[in-house]
Amino acid sequence: RLIRTRRREDRERVFAIQCRAHAPAYHEPVEALASRIECGEGFCLACDAPEGLTAYLLAHPWRGAPPALHTPLVPPAEADHLFLHDLAILPVHQGKGIAAALIENLLALASSRFAGIRLVALAGVEDFWRRQGWQPLAATLESNYGVGALLMGRPLA
């Protein structure tokens, strides 16, 4: 497998992976997903396997509370952290270390530019993010993240 930065031609495949990896309530419209990819230029990653794109990670510079889901993103004038918006892996490729490889690559890219990375852990995946080094942060989240969602952060040293 090959971890690389996302290319423009990955957009449709990213959308397709999102629809296979996440519950329908979390399928973002193409325009919303595209805005996050554009805002996160240089921080959006892809995983290639012989059969093509199998996973992606979308992250973008951000400031303040997590952005609302399902709406196009307006980039902040100044960012104070990197926001990991989404990590999705085709079900057949889950459990093969792809998530850890994508996260490791993101940490290397972000460590010289940001003091930390934040994300919203959806209900049921908090333990995964804890194992990756994230810790809960106090915050009130938009309802479209779902019951049990939790803001988490990881400092970069």
N, C-alpha and C. Protein backbone atom coordinates (compact mmCIF):
# COMPACT_ATOMS: atom_id res chain seq x y z
N ARG A 1 0.84 -1.19 0.00
CA ARG A 1 0.00 0.00 0.00
C ARG A 1 0.87 1.24 0.00
N LEU A 2 0.33 2.32 -0.52
CA LEU A 2 1.05 3.58 -0.65
C LEU A 2 0.21 4.69 -0.01
N ILE A 3 0.79 5.42 0.92
CA ILE A 3 0.13 6.60 1.51
C ILE A 3 0.67 7.82 0.77
N ARG A 4 -0.22 8.67 0.31
CA ARG A 4 0.17 9.85 -0.46
C ARG A 4 -0.81 10.98 -0.19
N THR A 5 -0.45 12.19 -0.63
CA THR A 5 -1.41 13.28 -0.53
C THR A 5 -2.48 13.06 -1.59
N ARG A 6 -3.66 13.54 -1.29
CA ARG A 6 -4.81 13.37 -2.17
C ARG A 6 -4.61 14.17 -3.46
N ARG A 7 -5.08 13.59 -4.56
CA ARG A 7 -5.02 14.26 -5.86
C ARG A 7 -6.44 14.67 -6.27
N ARG A 8 -6.52 15.63 -7.17
CA ARG A 8 -7.82 16.13 -7.64
C ARG A 8 -8.71 14.99 -8.17
N GLU A 9 -8.13 14.05 -8.87
CA GLU A 9 -8.92 12.96 -9.46
C GLU A 9 -9.46 11.97 -8.44
N ASP A 10 -9.06 12.11 -7.16
CA ASP A 10 -9.56 11.22 -6.11
C ASP A 10 -10.96 11.60 -5.61
N ARG A 11 -11.44 12.76 -5.97
CA ARG A 11 -12.66 13.30 -5.37
C ARG A 11 -13.86 12.34 -5.42
N GLU A 12 -14.15 11.79 -6.58
CA GLU A 12 -15.31 10.90 -6.70
C GLU A 12 -15.11 9.62 -5.90
N ARG A 13 -13.90 9.11 -5.89
CA ARG A 13 -13.61 7.88 -5.13
C ARG A 13 -13.71 8.13 -3.63
N VAL A 14 -13.27 9.32 -3.18
CA VAL A 14 -13.40 9.68 -1.77
C VAL A 14 -14.87 9.68 -1.38
N PHE A 15 -15.70 10.26 -2.21
CA PHE A 15 -17.14 10.29 -1.93
C PHE A 15 -17.70 8.87 -1.86
N ALA A 16 -17.28 8.01 -2.78
CA ALA A 16 -17.77 6.62 -2.79
C ALA A 16 -17.32 5.86 -1.54
N ILE A 17 -16.08 6.06 -1.11
CA ILE A 17 -15.59 5.40 0.10
C ILE A 17 -16.37 5.88 1.32
N GLN A 18 -16.61 7.19 1.39
CA GLN A 18 -17.40 7.74 2.49
C GLN A 18 -18.75 7.02 2.59
N CYS A 19 -19.39 6.81 1.47
CA CYS A 19 -20.72 6.19 1.46
C CYS A 19 -20.69 4.71 1.85
N ARG A 20 -19.56 4.05 1.67
CA ARG A 20 -19.45 2.64 2.05
C ARG A 20 -18.95 2.47 3.48
N ALA A 21 -18.21 3.46 3.98
CA ALA A 21 -17.58 3.31 5.29
C ALA A 21 -18.41 3.91 6.44
N HIS A 22 -19.30 4.84 6.14
CA HIS A 22 -20.04 5.54 7.19
C HIS A 22 -21.55 5.30 7.07
N ALA A 23 -22.23 5.43 8.19
CA ALA A 23 -23.69 5.36 8.21
C ALA A 23 -24.27 6.51 7.38
N PRO A 24 -25.43 6.32 6.77
CA PRO A 24 -26.02 7.36 5.92
C PRO A 24 -26.14 8.74 6.56
N ALA A 25 -26.37 8.82 7.85
CA ALA A 25 -26.49 10.13 8.51
C ALA A 25 -25.21 10.94 8.40
N TYR A 26 -24.10 10.28 8.12
CA TYR A 26 -22.81 10.99 8.04
C TYR A 26 -22.29 11.11 6.62
N HIS A 27 -23.10 10.79 5.62
CA HIS A 27 -22.70 11.00 4.24
C HIS A 27 -22.83 12.48 3.93
N GLU A 28 -21.71 13.11 3.65
CA GLU A 28 -21.75 14.55 3.36
C GLU A 28 -21.96 14.78 1.87
N PRO A 29 -22.70 15.83 1.52
CA PRO A 29 -22.88 16.15 0.10
C PRO A 29 -21.52 16.39 -0.57
N VAL A 30 -21.45 16.16 -1.87
CA VAL A 30 -20.20 16.32 -2.61
C VAL A 30 -19.62 17.72 -2.40
N GLU A 31 -20.46 18.76 -2.39
CA GLU A 31 -19.96 20.13 -2.25
C GLU A 31 -19.30 20.34 -0.88
N ALA A 32 -19.90 19.79 0.17
CA ALA A 32 -19.33 19.92 1.51
C ALA A 32 -18.01 19.18 1.61
N LEU A 33 -17.97 17.98 1.08
CA LEU A 33 -16.75 17.18 1.11
C LEU A 33 -15.65 17.87 0.30
N ALA A 34 -16.00 18.37 -0.87
CA ALA A 34 -15.02 19.06 -1.73
C ALA A 34 -14.45 20.30 -1.04
N SER A 35 -15.27 21.02 -0.29
CA SER A 35 -14.77 22.22 0.39
C SER A 35 -13.74 21.86 1.45
N ARG A 36 -13.91 20.74 2.12
CA ARG A 36 -12.94 20.31 3.13
C ARG A 36 -11.63 19.87 2.47
N ILE A 37 -11.75 19.21 1.34
CA ILE A 37 -10.56 18.79 0.60
C ILE A 37 -9.77 20.01 0.13
N GLU A 38 -10.47 21.00 -0.40
CA GLU A 38 -9.80 22.21 -0.89
C GLU A 38 -9.16 22.99 0.25
N CYS A 39 -9.87 23.13 1.35
CA CYS A 39 -9.34 23.86 2.51
C CYS A 39 -8.14 23.13 3.11
N GLY A 40 -8.12 21.82 2.98
CA GLY A 40 -7.07 21.02 3.59
C GLY A 40 -5.94 20.63 2.65
N GLU A 41 -5.76 21.38 1.59
CA GLU A 41 -4.70 21.07 0.63
C GLU A 41 -3.38 20.81 1.36
N GLY A 42 -2.79 19.66 1.09
CA GLY A 42 -1.54 19.28 1.73
C GLY A 42 -1.72 18.45 2.98
N PHE A 43 -2.95 18.40 3.53
CA PHE A 43 -3.22 17.62 4.74
C PHE A 43 -4.27 16.53 4.50
N CYS A 44 -4.70 16.37 3.28
CA CYS A 44 -5.65 15.31 2.94
C CYS A 44 -4.86 14.18 2.29
N LEU A 45 -5.02 12.98 2.84
CA LEU A 45 -4.20 11.85 2.43
C LEU A 45 -5.05 10.73 1.83
N ALA A 46 -4.40 9.89 1.05
CA ALA A 46 -5.07 8.76 0.43
C ALA A 46 -4.20 7.53 0.58
N CYS A 47 -4.84 6.38 0.56
CA CYS A 47 -4.13 5.11 0.60
C CYS A 47 -4.48 4.32 -0.65
N ASP A 48 -3.44 4.03 -1.43
CA ASP A 48 -3.61 3.25 -2.65
C ASP A 48 -3.22 1.81 -2.40
N ALA A 49 -3.96 0.91 -2.99
CA ALA A 49 -3.64 -0.51 -3.02
C ALA A 49 -3.68 -0.92 -4.51
N PRO A 50 -3.30 -2.11 -4.84
CA PRO A 50 -3.33 -2.50 -6.26
C PRO A 50 -4.69 -2.27 -6.94
N GLU A 51 -5.77 -2.42 -6.20
CA GLU A 51 -7.11 -2.22 -6.80
C GLU A 51 -7.56 -0.77 -6.79
N GLY A 52 -6.75 0.16 -6.30
CA GLY A 52 -7.09 1.58 -6.33
C GLY A 52 -7.18 2.17 -4.94
N LEU A 53 -7.83 3.32 -4.85
CA LEU A 53 -7.97 4.04 -3.59
C LEU A 53 -8.82 3.23 -2.61
N THR A 54 -8.28 2.99 -1.41
CA THR A 54 -8.98 2.16 -0.43
C THR A 54 -9.32 2.90 0.85
N ALA A 55 -8.69 4.07 1.06
CA ALA A 55 -8.91 4.82 2.29
C ALA A 55 -8.49 6.26 2.09
N TYR A 56 -9.02 7.13 2.96
CA TYR A 56 -8.59 8.53 2.92
C TYR A 56 -8.64 9.11 4.32
N LEU A 57 -7.94 10.21 4.48
CA LEU A 57 -7.97 11.02 5.70
C LEU A 57 -8.09 12.47 5.23
N LEU A 58 -9.07 13.20 5.75
CA LEU A 58 -9.26 14.61 5.42
C LEU A 58 -9.00 15.45 6.65
N ALA A 59 -8.09 16.39 6.55
CA ALA A 59 -7.79 17.31 7.65
C ALA A 59 -7.60 18.70 7.04
N HIS A 60 -7.90 19.72 7.83
CA HIS A 60 -7.76 21.09 7.34
C HIS A 60 -7.45 22.04 8.49
N PRO A 61 -6.78 23.15 8.20
CA PRO A 61 -6.55 24.16 9.22
C PRO A 61 -7.89 24.70 9.72
N TRP A 62 -7.96 24.99 11.03
CA TRP A 62 -9.22 25.46 11.60
C TRP A 62 -8.98 26.31 12.83
N ARG A 63 -10.01 27.03 13.24
CA ARG A 63 -9.98 27.85 14.44
C ARG A 63 -11.34 27.75 15.11
N GLY A 64 -11.34 27.57 16.42
CA GLY A 64 -12.60 27.57 17.16
C GLY A 64 -13.28 26.21 17.20
N ALA A 65 -14.60 26.28 17.40
CA ALA A 65 -15.41 25.06 17.53
C ALA A 65 -15.39 24.26 16.22
N PRO A 66 -15.61 22.95 16.31
CA PRO A 66 -15.62 22.13 15.09
C PRO A 66 -16.67 22.64 14.09
N PRO A 67 -16.35 22.55 12.81
CA PRO A 67 -17.31 23.01 11.80
C PRO A 67 -18.54 22.10 11.73
N ALA A 68 -19.63 22.68 11.31
CA ALA A 68 -20.87 21.90 11.14
C ALA A 68 -20.69 20.91 10.01
N LEU A 69 -21.33 19.77 10.14
CA LEU A 69 -21.32 18.78 9.07
C LEU A 69 -22.30 19.17 7.97
N HIS A 70 -22.11 18.59 6.80
CA HIS A 70 -23.05 18.67 5.68
C HIS A 70 -23.15 20.03 5.00
N THR A 71 -22.32 20.98 5.38
CA THR A 71 -22.34 22.29 4.74
C THR A 71 -20.93 22.63 4.25
N PRO A 72 -20.83 23.35 3.14
CA PRO A 72 -19.49 23.73 2.65
C PRO A 72 -18.74 24.54 3.71
N LEU A 73 -17.45 24.33 3.72
CA LEU A 73 -16.57 24.95 4.71
C LEU A 73 -16.08 26.30 4.21
N VAL A 74 -16.08 27.29 5.09
CA VAL A 74 -15.46 28.57 4.80
C VAL A 74 -14.17 28.60 5.62
N PRO A 75 -13.01 28.62 4.95
CA PRO A 75 -11.75 28.55 5.70
C PRO A 75 -11.59 29.76 6.62
N PRO A 76 -11.03 29.55 7.81
CA PRO A 76 -10.80 30.68 8.72
C PRO A 76 -9.65 31.54 8.20
N ALA A 77 -9.67 32.81 8.53
CA ALA A 77 -8.59 33.72 8.12
C ALA A 77 -7.27 33.27 8.75
N GLU A 78 -7.36 32.81 9.98
CA GLU A 78 -6.19 32.33 10.70
C GLU A 78 -6.56 31.06 11.46
N ALA A 79 -5.76 30.04 11.35
CA ALA A 79 -6.04 28.77 12.03
C ALA A 79 -5.18 28.66 13.29
N ASP A 80 -5.74 28.01 14.33
CA ASP A 80 -4.94 27.76 15.53
C ASP A 80 -4.72 26.27 15.78
N HIS A 81 -5.29 25.41 14.92
CA HIS A 81 -5.06 23.97 15.01
C HIS A 81 -5.44 23.31 13.69
N LEU A 82 -5.08 22.07 13.57
CA LEU A 82 -5.50 21.27 12.43
C LEU A 82 -6.71 20.46 12.89
N PHE A 83 -7.73 20.39 12.05
CA PHE A 83 -8.93 19.62 12.38
C PHE A 83 -8.97 18.39 11.48
N LEU A 84 -8.97 17.22 12.10
CA LEU A 84 -9.07 15.96 11.36
C LEU A 84 -10.56 15.71 11.14
N HIS A 85 -11.01 15.94 9.94
CA HIS A 85 -12.44 15.88 9.64
C HIS A 85 -12.95 14.45 9.47
N ASP A 86 -12.17 13.62 8.77
CA ASP A 86 -12.69 12.29 8.48
C ASP A 86 -11.55 11.34 8.17
N LEU A 87 -11.74 10.12 8.58
CA LEU A 87 -10.86 9.01 8.25
C LEU A 87 -11.78 7.86 7.86
N ALA A 88 -11.68 7.41 6.63
CA ALA A 88 -12.57 6.35 6.15
C ALA A 88 -11.77 5.30 5.38
N ILE A 89 -12.10 4.05 5.64
CA ILE A 89 -11.42 2.91 5.02
C ILE A 89 -12.50 1.96 4.51
N LEU A 90 -12.34 1.50 3.29
CA LEU A 90 -13.28 0.52 2.78
C LEU A 90 -13.34 -0.67 3.74
N PRO A 91 -14.52 -1.18 4.03
CA PRO A 91 -14.64 -2.26 5.02
C PRO A 91 -13.70 -3.45 4.80
N VAL A 92 -13.48 -3.85 3.57
CA VAL A 92 -12.61 -5.00 3.29
C VAL A 92 -11.15 -4.74 3.66
N HIS A 93 -10.77 -3.49 3.81
CA HIS A 93 -9.38 -3.13 4.13
C HIS A 93 -9.20 -2.71 5.59
N GLN A 94 -10.25 -2.72 6.37
CA GLN A 94 -10.14 -2.34 7.77
C GLN A 94 -9.36 -3.41 8.55
N GLY A 95 -8.68 -2.96 9.60
CA GLY A 95 -7.91 -3.87 10.44
C GLY A 95 -6.56 -4.26 9.87
N LYS A 96 -6.07 -3.52 8.89
CA LYS A 96 -4.78 -3.83 8.25
C LYS A 96 -3.71 -2.78 8.54
N GLY A 97 -3.96 -1.89 9.51
CA GLY A 97 -2.97 -0.87 9.86
C GLY A 97 -3.01 0.38 9.00
N ILE A 98 -4.01 0.49 8.13
CA ILE A 98 -4.10 1.66 7.25
C ILE A 98 -4.38 2.93 8.04
N ALA A 99 -5.28 2.86 9.01
CA ALA A 99 -5.60 4.04 9.81
C ALA A 99 -4.35 4.57 10.51
N ALA A 100 -3.60 3.69 11.14
CA ALA A 100 -2.38 4.11 11.85
C ALA A 100 -1.37 4.73 10.88
N ALA A 101 -1.25 4.18 9.67
CA ALA A 101 -0.33 4.73 8.68
C ALA A 101 -0.77 6.12 8.21
N LEU A 102 -2.06 6.30 7.98
CA LEU A 102 -2.57 7.61 7.59
C LEU A 102 -2.33 8.63 8.70
N ILE A 103 -2.62 8.25 9.94
CA ILE A 103 -2.43 9.16 11.07
C ILE A 103 -0.96 9.51 11.24
N GLU A 104 -0.09 8.54 11.15
CA GLU A 104 1.35 8.78 11.28
C GLU A 104 1.84 9.78 10.23
N ASN A 105 1.37 9.63 9.00
CA ASN A 105 1.73 10.57 7.94
C ASN A 105 1.19 11.96 8.23
N LEU A 106 -0.03 12.05 8.71
CA LEU A 106 -0.60 13.36 9.05
C LEU A 106 0.20 14.03 10.16
N LEU A 107 0.56 13.29 11.19
CA LEU A 107 1.35 13.86 12.28
C LEU A 107 2.66 14.43 11.76
N ALA A 108 3.31 13.73 10.85
CA ALA A 108 4.57 14.21 10.29
C ALA A 108 4.36 15.51 9.49
N LEU A 109 3.28 15.58 8.73
CA LEU A 109 2.99 16.78 7.95
C LEU A 109 2.63 17.98 8.82
N ALA A 110 1.91 17.72 9.91
CA ALA A 110 1.37 18.81 10.73
C ALA A 110 2.29 19.30 11.82
N SER A 111 3.25 18.51 12.24
CA SER A 111 4.02 18.83 13.45
C SER A 111 4.80 20.14 13.37
N SER A 112 5.20 20.55 12.19
CA SER A 112 5.96 21.80 12.08
C SER A 112 5.07 23.03 11.91
N ARG A 113 3.77 22.83 11.72
CA ARG A 113 2.87 23.97 11.46
C ARG A 113 1.81 24.21 12.51
N PHE A 114 1.49 23.19 13.30
CA PHE A 114 0.40 23.32 14.25
C PHE A 114 0.80 22.81 15.63
N ALA A 115 0.19 23.38 16.65
CA ALA A 115 0.45 22.95 18.03
C ALA A 115 -0.36 21.70 18.38
N GLY A 116 -1.43 21.45 17.62
CA GLY A 116 -2.26 20.30 17.93
C GLY A 116 -3.24 19.98 16.82
N ILE A 117 -3.84 18.80 16.96
CA ILE A 117 -4.88 18.34 16.03
C ILE A 117 -6.11 17.99 16.85
N ARG A 118 -7.26 18.47 16.38
CA ARG A 118 -8.53 18.15 17.03
C ARG A 118 -9.39 17.33 16.07
N LEU A 119 -10.35 16.63 16.65
CA LEU A 119 -11.31 15.87 15.86
C LEU A 119 -12.56 15.65 16.69
N VAL A 120 -13.62 15.26 16.05
CA VAL A 120 -14.83 14.84 16.75
C VAL A 120 -14.92 13.33 16.58
N ALA A 121 -14.85 12.63 17.70
CA ALA A 121 -15.01 11.18 17.70
C ALA A 121 -16.50 10.89 17.79
N LEU A 122 -17.03 10.22 16.79
CA LEU A 122 -18.44 9.84 16.83
C LEU A 122 -18.64 8.76 17.89
N ALA A 123 -19.87 8.60 18.31
CA ALA A 123 -20.19 7.61 19.34
C ALA A 123 -19.63 6.24 18.95
N GLY A 124 -18.96 5.62 19.91
CA GLY A 124 -18.47 4.27 19.70
C GLY A 124 -17.04 4.16 19.22
N VAL A 125 -16.40 5.28 18.86
CA VAL A 125 -15.02 5.18 18.36
C VAL A 125 -14.02 5.94 19.23
N GLU A 126 -14.47 6.43 20.37
CA GLU A 126 -13.57 7.17 21.27
C GLU A 126 -12.35 6.34 21.65
N ASP A 127 -12.51 5.06 21.94
CA ASP A 127 -11.38 4.23 22.35
C ASP A 127 -10.33 4.11 21.24
N PHE A 128 -10.75 4.02 20.00
CA PHE A 128 -9.81 4.00 18.88
C PHE A 128 -8.93 5.24 18.91
N TRP A 129 -9.57 6.42 19.06
CA TRP A 129 -8.80 7.67 19.04
C TRP A 129 -7.92 7.81 20.27
N ARG A 130 -8.36 7.31 21.40
CA ARG A 130 -7.49 7.32 22.60
C ARG A 130 -6.22 6.50 22.33
N ARG A 131 -6.37 5.35 21.70
CA ARG A 131 -5.19 4.52 21.40
C ARG A 131 -4.25 5.22 20.44
N GLN A 132 -4.77 6.15 19.66
CA GLN A 132 -3.94 6.91 18.72
C GLN A 132 -3.34 8.16 19.36
N GLY A 133 -3.63 8.42 20.63
CA GLY A 133 -3.03 9.55 21.33
C GLY A 133 -3.92 10.75 21.56
N TRP A 134 -5.20 10.68 21.18
CA TRP A 134 -6.12 11.80 21.40
C TRP A 134 -6.76 11.68 22.78
N GLN A 135 -7.09 12.84 23.36
CA GLN A 135 -7.75 12.90 24.66
C GLN A 135 -8.99 13.78 24.57
N PRO A 136 -10.03 13.49 25.37
CA PRO A 136 -11.26 14.30 25.34
C PRO A 136 -11.00 15.76 25.73
N LEU A 137 -11.73 16.66 25.08
CA LEU A 137 -11.71 18.09 25.39
C LEU A 137 -13.14 18.51 25.73
N ALA A 138 -13.28 19.46 26.60
CA ALA A 138 -14.61 19.96 26.96
C ALA A 138 -15.16 20.80 25.81
N ALA A 139 -16.36 20.47 25.37
CA ALA A 139 -17.00 21.24 24.29
C ALA A 139 -18.44 20.82 24.13
N THR A 140 -19.24 21.75 23.63
CA THR A 140 -20.60 21.45 23.21
C THR A 140 -20.57 21.36 21.70
N LEU A 141 -21.05 20.26 21.16
CA LEU A 141 -20.97 20.02 19.72
C LEU A 141 -22.32 20.22 19.04
N GLU A 142 -22.27 20.54 17.75
CA GLU A 142 -23.48 20.63 16.94
C GLU A 142 -24.21 19.29 17.00
N SER A 143 -25.53 19.32 16.99
CA SER A 143 -26.31 18.09 17.11
C SER A 143 -26.10 17.13 15.95
N ASN A 144 -25.68 17.64 14.77
CA ASN A 144 -25.54 16.72 13.63
C ASN A 144 -24.34 15.77 13.76
N TYR A 145 -23.52 15.96 14.79
CA TYR A 145 -22.46 14.98 15.07
C TYR A 145 -23.03 13.74 15.76
N GLY A 146 -24.24 13.84 16.28
CA GLY A 146 -24.89 12.69 16.89
C GLY A 146 -24.68 12.60 18.39
N VAL A 147 -25.57 11.86 19.04
CA VAL A 147 -25.49 11.64 20.49
C VAL A 147 -24.22 10.85 20.79
N GLY A 148 -23.50 11.28 21.80
CA GLY A 148 -22.30 10.57 22.22
C GLY A 148 -21.03 11.01 21.52
N ALA A 149 -21.12 11.95 20.57
CA ALA A 149 -19.91 12.46 19.91
C ALA A 149 -19.08 13.26 20.91
N LEU A 150 -17.80 13.27 20.72
CA LEU A 150 -16.88 13.86 21.69
C LEU A 150 -15.75 14.58 20.98
N LEU A 151 -15.49 15.83 21.37
CA LEU A 151 -14.34 16.57 20.84
C LEU A 151 -13.08 16.02 21.50
N MET A 152 -12.06 15.75 20.70
CA MET A 152 -10.81 15.21 21.23
C MET A 152 -9.64 15.99 20.63
N GLY A 153 -8.53 16.03 21.37
CA GLY A 153 -7.35 16.74 20.88
C GLY A 153 -6.08 15.96 21.12
N ARG A 154 -5.09 16.26 20.32
CA ARG A 154 -3.77 15.66 20.47
C ARG A 154 -2.74 16.75 20.24
N PRO A 155 -1.94 17.05 21.27
CA PRO A 155 -0.88 18.05 21.05
C PRO A 155 0.21 17.49 20.16
N LEU A 156 0.86 18.38 19.45
CA LEU A 156 1.99 18.01 18.62
C LEU A 156 3.23 18.65 19.24
N ALA A 157 4.23 17.85 19.52
CA ALA A 157 5.43 18.36 20.16
C ALA A 157 6.58 18.43 19.19
